[in-house]
Protein backbone atom coordinates (compact mmCIF):
# COMPACT_ATOMS: atom_id res chain seq x y z
CA UNK A 1 30.83 -14.34 42.01
CA UNK A 2 28.99 -13.72 39.54
CA UNK A 3 24.46 -15.09 39.53
CA UNK A 4 24.77 -14.82 35.54
CA UNK A 5 26.51 -17.83 33.21
CA UNK A 6 29.80 -16.96 31.17
CA UNK A 7 28.31 -16.05 27.06
CA UNK A 8 29.95 -19.07 24.65
CA UNK A 9 33.47 -16.78 22.57
CA UNK A 10 31.06 -17.81 19.29
CA UNK A 11 28.27 -14.99 20.52
CA UNK A 12 29.03 -12.69 18.10
CA UNK A 13 28.61 -15.24 15.73
CA UNK A 14 25.74 -16.56 16.79
CA UNK A 15 24.46 -13.51 16.40
CA UNK A 16 25.40 -12.81 12.49
CA UNK A 17 23.59 -16.01 11.94
CA UNK A 18 20.12 -15.10 13.66
CA UNK A 19 21.19 -12.01 11.79
CA UNK A 20 21.60 -13.98 8.31
CA UNK A 21 18.69 -16.20 8.32
CA UNK A 22 16.66 -12.90 9.92
CA UNK A 23 17.64 -11.05 6.01
CA UNK A 24 17.18 -13.74 3.73
CA UNK A 25 13.97 -14.94 5.85
CA UNK A 26 12.54 -11.87 4.83
CA UNK A 27 14.35 -12.10 1.45
CA UNK A 28 11.75 -15.00 0.63
CA UNK A 29 8.63 -13.02 1.69
CA UNK A 30 9.63 -10.25 -0.72
CA UNK A 31 9.24 -13.30 -3.09
CA UNK A 32 6.28 -15.32 -1.28
CA UNK A 33 3.51 -14.99 -3.89
CA UNK A 34 0.23 -14.38 -1.84
CA UNK A 35 2.91 -10.90 -0.55
CA UNK A 36 2.66 -9.92 -4.20
CA UNK A 37 -0.76 -10.22 -3.90
CA UNK A 38 -1.86 -8.76 -1.05
CA UNK A 39 0.24 -5.35 -1.94
CA UNK A 40 -0.79 -4.84 -4.83
CA UNK A 41 -4.47 -5.13 -3.86
CA UNK A 42 -3.14 -2.70 -1.15
CA UNK A 43 -1.29 -0.89 -4.00
CA UNK A 44 -4.88 -1.16 -6.58
CA UNK A 45 -7.31 -0.03 -3.10
CA UNK A 46 -5.26 3.36 -2.92
CA UNK A 47 -5.35 4.55 -6.03
CA UNK A 48 -8.83 3.31 -5.89
CA UNK A 49 -9.76 5.64 -3.16
CA UNK A 50 -7.40 8.38 -4.66
CA UNK A 51 -9.55 8.61 -7.52
CA UNK A 52 -12.94 8.12 -5.64
CA UNK A 53 -11.67 11.43 -2.79
CA UNK A 54 -10.75 13.35 -6.37
CA UNK A 55 -14.11 13.15 -8.45
CA UNK A 56 -12.73 10.52 -11.95
CA UNK A 57 -13.58 7.38 -11.34
CA UNK A 58 -14.01 5.46 -14.40
CA UNK A 59 -17.97 6.02 -16.16
CA UNK A 60 -17.21 1.58 -16.67
CA UNK A 61 -17.90 2.02 -12.38
CA UNK A 62 -20.89 4.58 -11.60
CA UNK A 63 -22.64 2.20 -14.67
CA UNK A 64 -21.00 -0.71 -13.37
CA UNK A 65 -22.98 0.38 -9.14
CA UNK A 66 -26.19 2.03 -10.32
CA UNK A 67 -26.25 -2.26 -11.89
CA UNK A 68 -25.24 -3.07 -8.58
CA UNK A 69 -27.87 -1.16 -7.12
CA UNK A 70 -30.74 -1.99 -9.63
CA UNK A 71 -30.70 -5.80 -9.39
CA UNK A 72 -30.70 -4.67 -5.41
CA UNK A 73 -34.28 -3.53 -5.68
CA UNK A 74 -35.76 -5.91 -8.28
CA UNK A 75 -34.35 -8.29 -5.43
CA UNK A 76 -36.37 -6.52 -1.38
CA UNK A 77 -39.09 -6.17 -3.59
CA UNK A 78 -39.23 -9.44 -5.62
CA UNK A 79 -38.35 -10.13 -1.71
CA UNK A 80 -41.65 -8.27 -0.34
CA UNK A 81 -44.28 -9.29 -2.73
CA UNK A 82 -43.24 -12.95 -2.06
CA UNK A 83 -43.72 -11.75 1.77
CA UNK A 84 -46.96 -10.78 1.07
CA UNK A 85 -47.94 -13.30 -0.94
CA UNK A 86 -47.22 -16.10 1.50
CA UNK A 87 -49.37 -13.84 4.15
CA UNK A 88 -53.30 -15.22 1.93
CA UNK A 89 -51.90 -18.15 1.11
């Protein structure tokens, strides 16, 4: 006598049903808009990293980086000026 219960005779069908449900869930995930966006973002990230590593970043991106650095430097300078003015009041 075994302590384990006897599996029902339709146990094979249950496995098949689970596999079918899993396949359907996989198809739904592939169609998920958010998942597709994430995949696109990952692909874009990979392409940019490869281009950056090869030194082929576009001129527009380099100019944008310089503009950001200049804007940050201006904000930091303006904050320093504001702090000095507050110390005198």
